[in-house]
Amino acid sequence: MNSISLIDKLKQVEQRYEELERLLADPEVATDHNRVREYAQERAEIAQLVQVSREYRAVHQELQDTRSMLEGELDDEMSALVHAEIKGLETREGELQQKLRLLLLPKDPNDERNVIVEIRAGTGGEEAALFAADLYRMYARYAEAQRWKTELLSSNVTGIGGFKQVIFEVQGRGAYSRLKHESGVHRVQRVPVTESSGRIHTSTATVAVLPEADEVEVEIKPADLRIDVFRARGHGGQSVNTPDSAVRITHLPSGLVVACQDERSQLQNKLRAMSIRRARLYDIEQRRIAQQVETTRRSQVGTGERSEKVRTYNFPQNRVTDHRLRFSSHSLEGVLAGGLDEFIERLITAEQAEKLRAAGVG
């Protein structure tokens, strides 16, 4: 994208922004709450682009004016000052161009959504379940640092405090944009608490990050659902609730099964199960549209085998390695305490670079 086409594109965006300003100030529009919300949201989405655009155009014009000064009669000292000014403006113009290219990239429509995160113990038995619990706490602490709200939706707890499976919701602006790259197989290397000989074991857990779907976005016919209620069971199989409060929902066309038993109310369990099921179906539809090979949750996390890893947490070396980035942090304790920003920022940057290459503007 050259500077001329970039400026033309930016003028179109600024014209639309000014049009939205006029519409929002129109008394007739002000009485239509749906239109106000729609226009305000669109304006908010392009506000940063317009701000950077205006700065870019000002720098671009200043650079042209400064270059024109070289056409006149200048002494050596003034010529040196002008050349230094041009160099500074060219650097700033380049920085703003790159920022604008990123802002002009098509946005993932799911980026601002809340997410539903599923963590499942993979290879490694009880140690894998304990690692799944570590990952759950890591994401909960990261969400807390972002001032997002987390809500446990479903869990299957092992006898010593691990999770065979845990599903939770993260509510917060931009949650999906920050967490979507966490999907995949996470591997841990450490001496398990259950290991008496001190040998290092390798275990895995899978993470799936699903954008939360609104009810209107996923059409589900009541006839396609089979809803079963049963008595919730504790760790050792004992009944934890007297009434049949646990709920299992089966989506017959896809075969997806979701069960919730954490709440005492059958209605609460049903609502949670419906929310999880809706997110999974939405994820499947999005993947079908994107023509990806797999159309189930497993397309996101693989099989859970040790070789299919996105990140390794190595306790003996105090190291966390993201294999997609080929980047390691030697602050394992800090990462598990929610210090994920260093990885997340690098993953976002890598995604942006790939989009720029695909658009031919890298």
Protein backbone atom coordinates (compact mmCIF):
# COMPACT_ATOMS: atom_id res chain seq x y z
CA MET A 1 0.00 0.00 0.00
CA ASN A 2 1.77 3.19 -1.14
CA SER A 3 1.39 6.56 0.60
CA ILE A 4 -1.03 7.94 -2.02
CA SER A 5 -3.49 5.03 -1.77
CA LEU A 6 -3.07 5.09 2.00
CA ILE A 7 -4.04 8.77 2.16
CA ASP A 8 -7.04 8.16 -0.10
CA LYS A 9 -8.20 5.32 2.15
CA LEU A 10 -7.74 7.47 5.25
CA LYS A 11 -9.78 10.30 3.72
CA GLN A 12 -12.68 7.87 3.24
CA VAL A 13 -12.45 6.78 6.87
CA GLU A 14 -12.34 10.36 8.12
CA GLN A 15 -15.34 11.29 5.97
CA ARG A 16 -17.30 8.39 7.46
CA TYR A 17 -16.25 9.47 10.97
CA GLU A 18 -17.47 13.02 10.35
CA GLU A 19 -20.70 11.63 8.90
CA LEU A 20 -21.23 9.56 12.05
CA GLU A 21 -20.64 12.67 14.17
CA ARG A 22 -23.37 14.47 12.24
CA LEU A 23 -25.76 11.53 12.51
CA LEU A 24 -25.28 11.23 16.26
CA ALA A 25 -26.01 14.94 16.62
CA ASP A 26 -29.22 14.63 14.55
CA PRO A 27 -32.30 14.98 16.83
CA GLU A 28 -34.21 12.51 14.68
CA VAL A 29 -31.54 9.84 15.14
CA ALA A 30 -31.32 10.54 18.88
CA THR A 31 -34.84 9.13 19.37
CA ASP A 32 -33.85 5.79 17.82
CA HIS A 33 -31.80 4.00 20.47
CA ASN A 34 -30.81 1.16 18.15
CA ARG A 35 -29.38 3.55 15.55
CA VAL A 36 -27.60 5.57 18.23
CA ARG A 37 -25.97 2.40 19.58
CA GLU A 38 -25.02 1.23 16.07
CA TYR A 39 -23.51 4.58 15.06
CA ALA A 40 -21.74 5.08 18.39
CA GLN A 41 -20.18 1.64 18.15
CA GLU A 42 -18.98 2.25 14.58
CA ARG A 43 -17.54 5.61 15.57
CA ALA A 44 -15.69 4.05 18.52
CA GLU A 45 -14.24 1.37 16.25
CA ILE A 46 -12.63 3.91 13.90
CA ALA A 47 -11.82 6.67 16.40
CA GLN A 48 -8.20 5.58 16.93
CA LEU A 49 -7.69 5.19 13.19
CA VAL A 50 -8.97 8.73 12.59
CA GLN A 51 -6.73 10.13 15.34
CA VAL A 52 -3.61 8.48 13.89
CA SER A 53 -4.72 9.41 10.37
CA ARG A 54 -4.88 13.08 11.22
CA GLU A 55 -1.44 12.98 12.80
CA TYR A 56 -0.07 11.14 9.76
CA ARG A 57 -1.49 13.66 7.29
CA ALA A 58 -0.08 16.53 9.37
CA VAL A 59 3.38 14.93 9.42
CA HIS A 60 3.15 14.10 5.71
CA GLN A 61 2.32 17.73 4.87
CA GLU A 62 5.05 19.04 7.17
CA LEU A 63 7.55 16.73 5.48
CA GLN A 64 6.59 18.02 2.03
CA ASP A 65 6.88 21.64 3.20
CA THR A 66 10.27 20.99 4.78
CA ARG A 67 11.59 19.27 1.64
CA SER A 68 10.51 22.28 -0.43
CA MET A 69 12.84 24.42 1.66
CA LEU A 70 15.79 22.67 0.01
CA GLU A 71 14.79 24.28 -3.30
CA GLY A 72 15.79 27.70 -1.96
CA GLU A 73 19.14 29.26 -1.21
CA LEU A 74 20.42 27.84 2.11
CA ASP A 75 23.74 28.19 3.86
CA ASP A 76 25.50 25.08 5.13
CA GLU A 77 24.22 25.40 8.69
CA MET A 78 20.59 25.87 7.63
CA SER A 79 20.87 23.04 5.07
CA ALA A 80 22.11 20.68 7.79
CA LEU A 81 19.21 21.66 10.06
CA VAL A 82 16.67 21.08 7.27
CA HIS A 83 18.13 17.68 6.42
CA ALA A 84 18.02 16.69 10.11
CA GLU A 85 14.39 17.82 10.31
CA ILE A 86 13.53 15.82 7.18
CA LYS A 87 15.17 12.70 8.60
CA GLY A 88 13.15 13.00 11.83
CA LEU A 89 9.90 13.57 9.95
CA GLU A 90 10.58 10.62 7.61
CA THR A 91 11.11 8.36 10.63
CA ARG A 92 7.88 9.53 12.22
CA GLU A 93 5.97 9.20 8.94
CA GLY A 94 7.20 5.61 8.58
CA GLU A 95 6.14 4.76 12.14
CA LEU A 96 2.68 6.22 11.56
CA GLN A 97 2.34 4.42 8.22
CA GLN A 98 3.03 1.08 9.89
CA LYS A 99 0.57 1.86 12.68
CA LEU A 100 -2.09 2.80 10.12
CA ARG A 101 -1.52 -0.38 8.12
CA LEU A 102 -2.16 -2.41 11.25
CA LEU A 103 -5.27 -0.39 12.08
CA LEU A 104 -6.57 -0.87 8.54
CA LEU A 105 -6.21 -4.66 8.64
CA PRO A 106 -9.53 -6.54 8.77
CA LYS A 107 -10.43 -7.20 12.38
CA ASP A 108 -11.47 -10.56 13.75
CA PRO A 109 -15.21 -10.05 14.38
CA ASN A 110 -14.89 -12.09 17.56
CA ASP A 111 -12.06 -10.06 19.12
CA GLU A 112 -14.25 -8.03 21.50
CA ARG A 113 -16.28 -11.02 22.69
CA ASN A 114 -16.27 -12.76 26.02
CA VAL A 115 -14.80 -16.25 25.88
CA ILE A 116 -15.48 -19.70 27.18
CA VAL A 117 -12.27 -21.56 28.04
CA GLU A 118 -12.13 -25.35 28.22
CA ILE A 119 -9.14 -27.02 29.85
CA ARG A 120 -8.86 -30.82 29.78
CA ALA A 121 -6.23 -33.09 31.27
CA GLY A 122 -4.34 -34.87 28.49
CA THR A 123 -1.51 -37.41 28.68
CA GLY A 124 -0.16 -38.02 32.17
CA GLY A 125 -2.94 -39.21 34.43
CA GLU A 126 -3.25 -37.47 37.82
CA GLU A 127 -0.29 -35.19 37.08
CA ALA A 128 -2.02 -33.95 33.90
CA ALA A 129 -5.11 -33.15 35.97
CA LEU A 130 -3.00 -31.17 38.46
CA PHE A 131 -1.43 -29.29 35.55
CA ALA A 132 -4.90 -28.50 34.19
CA ALA A 133 -5.68 -26.93 37.58
CA ASP A 134 -2.46 -24.89 37.35
CA LEU A 135 -3.51 -23.58 33.94
CA TYR A 136 -6.97 -22.70 35.23
CA ARG A 137 -5.45 -20.66 38.07
CA MET A 138 -3.01 -19.01 35.63
CA TYR A 139 -5.82 -17.79 33.37
CA ALA A 140 -7.98 -16.75 36.33
CA ARG A 141 -5.12 -14.62 37.68
CA TYR A 142 -4.46 -13.13 34.25
CA ALA A 143 -8.15 -12.24 33.93
CA GLU A 144 -8.09 -10.67 37.38
CA ALA A 145 -5.09 -8.53 36.39
CA GLN A 146 -7.04 -7.38 33.31
CA ARG A 147 -10.02 -6.58 35.54
CA TRP A 148 -12.13 -9.16 33.75
CA LYS A 149 -14.71 -11.31 35.46
CA THR A 150 -14.41 -15.10 35.50
CA GLU A 151 -17.18 -17.57 36.21
CA LEU A 152 -16.74 -21.30 36.65
CA LEU A 153 -19.24 -23.10 34.43
CA SER A 154 -18.38 -26.78 34.84
CA SER A 155 -15.66 -28.89 36.41
CA ASN A 156 -14.67 -32.48 37.02
CA VAL A 157 -12.37 -32.48 40.05
CA THR A 158 -9.99 -35.32 40.91
CA GLY A 159 -9.34 -36.60 44.40
CA ILE A 160 -6.14 -34.57 45.00
CA GLY A 161 -7.33 -31.27 43.58
CA GLY A 162 -6.72 -31.59 39.85
CA PHE A 163 -9.20 -31.17 37.02
CA LYS A 164 -10.04 -33.81 34.47
CA GLN A 165 -11.95 -30.97 32.83
CA VAL A 166 -12.77 -27.40 33.77
CA ILE A 167 -14.85 -24.93 31.76
CA PHE A 168 -15.11 -21.26 32.69
CA GLU A 169 -16.23 -17.99 31.18
CA VAL A 170 -14.11 -14.84 30.96
CA GLN A 171 -16.12 -11.65 30.63
CA GLY A 172 -14.32 -8.51 29.54
CA ARG A 173 -13.76 -6.23 26.56
CA GLY A 174 -11.26 -7.79 24.19
CA ALA A 175 -11.03 -11.08 26.07
CA TYR A 176 -11.03 -13.16 22.89
CA SER A 177 -8.41 -10.96 21.19
CA ARG A 178 -6.03 -11.53 24.12
CA LEU A 179 -6.70 -15.20 24.81
CA LYS A 180 -7.44 -16.78 21.42
CA HIS A 181 -3.82 -17.79 20.84
CA GLU A 182 -3.80 -19.84 24.05
CA SER A 183 -5.62 -22.68 22.30
CA GLY A 184 -3.61 -25.85 21.88
CA VAL A 185 -1.65 -28.44 23.83
CA HIS A 186 0.29 -27.18 26.85
CA ARG A 187 3.06 -29.43 28.18
CA VAL A 188 4.57 -29.57 31.66
CA GLN A 189 7.88 -31.15 32.69
CA ARG A 190 8.37 -31.59 36.44
CA VAL A 191 8.60 -34.07 39.29
CA PRO A 192 4.99 -34.91 40.22
CA VAL A 193 3.92 -34.75 43.85
CA THR A 194 2.92 -38.39 43.48
CA GLU A 195 6.44 -39.42 42.33
CA SER A 196 8.61 -40.80 45.15
CA SER A 197 11.76 -41.47 43.09
CA GLY A 198 12.21 -37.86 41.97
CA ARG A 199 11.91 -38.62 38.23
CA ILE A 200 10.78 -35.82 35.90
CA HIS A 201 7.53 -36.59 34.13
CA THR A 202 6.03 -34.99 31.02
CA SER A 203 2.28 -34.41 30.99
CA THR A 204 -0.14 -32.37 28.90
CA ALA A 205 -3.39 -30.47 29.09
CA THR A 206 -5.42 -29.06 26.20
CA VAL A 207 -6.82 -25.55 26.12
CA ALA A 208 -9.66 -24.41 23.86
CA VAL A 209 -10.72 -20.75 23.75
CA LEU A 210 -14.18 -20.28 22.25
CA PRO A 211 -15.82 -16.91 21.52
CA GLU A 212 -19.09 -16.62 23.39
CA ALA A 213 -22.06 -16.68 21.02
CA ASP A 214 -25.27 -14.69 21.36
CA GLU A 215 -28.50 -16.65 21.22
CA VAL A 216 -29.53 -15.02 17.95
CA GLU A 217 -26.30 -16.09 16.23
CA VAL A 218 -26.80 -19.81 16.64
CA GLU A 219 -30.11 -21.22 15.49
CA ILE A 220 -30.93 -24.28 17.56
CA LYS A 221 -34.20 -26.10 17.21
CA PRO A 222 -35.68 -27.51 20.42
CA ALA A 223 -36.29 -30.79 18.59
CA ASP A 224 -32.52 -31.10 18.05
CA LEU A 225 -31.85 -31.21 21.79
CA ARG A 226 -32.09 -34.07 24.24
CA ILE A 227 -32.01 -32.85 27.84
CA ASP A 228 -31.40 -35.35 30.63
CA VAL A 229 -31.36 -34.62 34.33
CA PHE A 230 -29.51 -36.71 36.87
CA ARG A 231 -28.16 -36.58 40.40
CA ALA A 232 -24.82 -34.78 40.72
CA ARG A 233 -21.95 -36.91 41.98
CA GLY A 234 -18.96 -35.99 44.13
CA HIS A 235 -15.31 -37.04 43.83
CA GLY A 236 -15.84 -40.54 45.07
CA GLY A 237 -19.19 -41.02 43.36
CA GLN A 238 -21.29 -39.99 46.32
CA SER A 239 -24.44 -37.96 45.72
CA VAL A 240 -23.83 -34.28 46.47
CA ASN A 241 -27.40 -33.08 45.93
CA THR A 242 -30.62 -34.80 46.89
CA PRO A 243 -32.73 -33.67 43.90
CA ASP A 244 -31.82 -34.46 40.30
CA SER A 245 -30.17 -31.08 39.64
CA ALA A 246 -27.39 -32.02 37.19
CA VAL A 247 -28.15 -31.47 33.51
CA ARG A 248 -26.82 -33.12 30.35
CA ILE A 249 -27.68 -31.59 26.97
CA THR A 250 -27.07 -33.48 23.73
CA HIS A 251 -27.22 -31.65 20.41
CA LEU A 252 -28.42 -34.50 18.20
CA PRO A 253 -27.31 -33.25 14.74
CA SER A 254 -23.70 -32.61 15.83
CA GLY A 255 -23.43 -35.14 18.64
CA LEU A 256 -22.09 -32.46 21.02
CA VAL A 257 -22.71 -33.32 24.68
CA VAL A 258 -22.47 -30.80 27.53
CA ALA A 259 -23.07 -31.63 31.18
CA CYS A 260 -23.19 -29.25 34.17
CA GLN A 261 -23.59 -30.21 37.79
CA ASP A 262 -21.78 -27.49 39.78
CA GLU A 263 -24.93 -25.57 40.71
CA ARG A 264 -27.63 -26.79 43.07
CA SER A 265 -30.38 -25.46 40.83
CA GLN A 266 -31.38 -27.53 37.81
CA LEU A 267 -32.25 -24.29 35.99
CA GLN A 268 -28.81 -22.78 36.66
CA ASN A 269 -27.09 -25.93 35.40
CA LYS A 270 -29.30 -25.93 32.30
CA LEU A 271 -28.51 -22.28 31.51
CA ARG A 272 -24.78 -22.90 31.87
CA ALA A 273 -24.88 -26.00 29.72
CA MET A 274 -26.82 -24.11 27.04
CA SER A 275 -24.22 -21.31 27.06
CA ILE A 276 -21.33 -23.76 26.63
CA ARG A 277 -23.15 -25.65 23.91
CA ARG A 278 -23.98 -22.44 22.03
CA ALA A 279 -20.31 -21.36 22.11
CA ARG A 280 -19.15 -24.74 20.82
CA LEU A 281 -21.66 -24.74 17.97
CA TYR A 282 -20.72 -21.18 17.06
CA ASP A 283 -17.06 -22.16 17.02
CA ILE A 284 -17.81 -25.10 14.72
CA GLU A 285 -19.75 -22.88 12.32
CA GLN A 286 -16.96 -20.30 12.25
CA ARG A 287 -14.44 -23.00 11.44
CA ARG A 288 -16.65 -24.42 8.71
CA ILE A 289 -16.92 -20.98 7.13
CA ALA A 290 -13.14 -20.58 7.30
CA GLN A 291 -12.86 -23.97 5.49
CA GLN A 292 -10.65 -25.48 8.11
CA VAL A 293 -10.18 -29.22 8.03
CA GLU A 294 -11.61 -30.00 11.44
CA THR A 295 -15.05 -28.74 12.53
CA THR A 296 -15.06 -29.76 16.17
CA ARG A 297 -13.37 -28.61 19.32
CA ARG A 298 -10.53 -31.08 18.65
CA SER A 299 -9.50 -29.05 15.59
CA GLN A 300 -8.37 -26.42 18.06
CA VAL A 301 -6.51 -28.57 20.56
CA GLY A 302 -5.42 -31.72 18.72
CA THR A 303 -5.41 -35.07 20.46
CA GLY A 304 -3.51 -34.15 23.61
CA GLU A 305 -0.39 -36.10 22.67
CA ARG A 306 2.91 -34.72 23.99
CA SER A 307 4.24 -33.98 20.49
CA GLU A 308 1.37 -31.58 19.64
CA LYS A 309 2.47 -28.73 21.84
CA VAL A 310 2.21 -24.95 21.67
CA ARG A 311 3.94 -24.24 24.99
CA THR A 312 6.14 -26.08 27.48
CA TYR A 313 6.41 -25.32 31.20
CA ASN A 314 9.73 -26.75 32.40
CA PHE A 315 10.04 -26.62 36.19
CA PRO A 316 13.65 -27.87 36.59
CA GLN A 317 14.88 -25.11 34.25
CA ASN A 318 12.41 -22.46 35.47
CA ARG A 319 11.49 -22.00 31.81
CA VAL A 320 8.35 -21.43 29.75
CA THR A 321 8.80 -21.88 25.99
CA ASP A 322 6.27 -20.97 23.33
CA HIS A 323 7.11 -23.20 20.38
CA ARG A 324 5.23 -21.09 17.84
CA LEU A 325 7.31 -18.04 18.72
CA ARG A 326 10.52 -19.92 19.55
CA PHE A 327 10.64 -17.69 22.59
CA SER A 328 11.38 -18.61 26.21
CA SER A 329 10.84 -16.86 29.51
CA HIS A 330 12.83 -17.87 32.59
CA SER A 331 10.16 -16.70 34.99
CA LEU A 332 7.95 -19.76 35.23
CA GLU A 333 6.51 -18.78 38.60
CA GLY A 334 5.55 -15.35 37.27
CA VAL A 335 3.89 -16.84 34.19
CA LEU A 336 1.83 -19.29 36.26
CA ALA A 337 0.85 -16.34 38.46
CA GLY A 338 -0.82 -14.78 35.42
CA GLY A 339 2.14 -13.00 33.84
CA LEU A 340 1.18 -13.89 30.27
CA ASP A 341 1.45 -10.48 28.61
CA GLU A 342 4.95 -11.06 27.25
CA PHE A 343 3.71 -14.12 25.34
CA ILE A 344 0.36 -12.63 24.35
CA GLU A 345 1.88 -9.42 22.95
CA ARG A 346 4.39 -11.41 20.88
CA LEU A 347 1.64 -13.69 19.55
CA ILE A 348 -0.50 -10.70 18.58
CA THR A 349 2.49 -9.09 16.84
CA ALA A 350 3.18 -12.32 14.95
CA GLU A 351 -0.47 -12.49 13.87
CA GLN A 352 -0.37 -8.90 12.64
CA ALA A 353 2.85 -9.51 10.71
CA GLU A 354 1.28 -12.52 9.02
CA LYS A 355 -1.79 -10.49 8.06
CA LEU A 356 0.44 -7.75 6.63
CA ARG A 357 2.33 -10.32 4.56
CA ALA A 358 -0.93 -11.80 3.32
CA ALA A 359 -2.15 -8.32 2.36
CA GLY A 360 1.13 -7.59 0.59
CA VAL A 361 1.95 -4.61 2.79
CA GLY A 362 4.56 -6.11 5.08
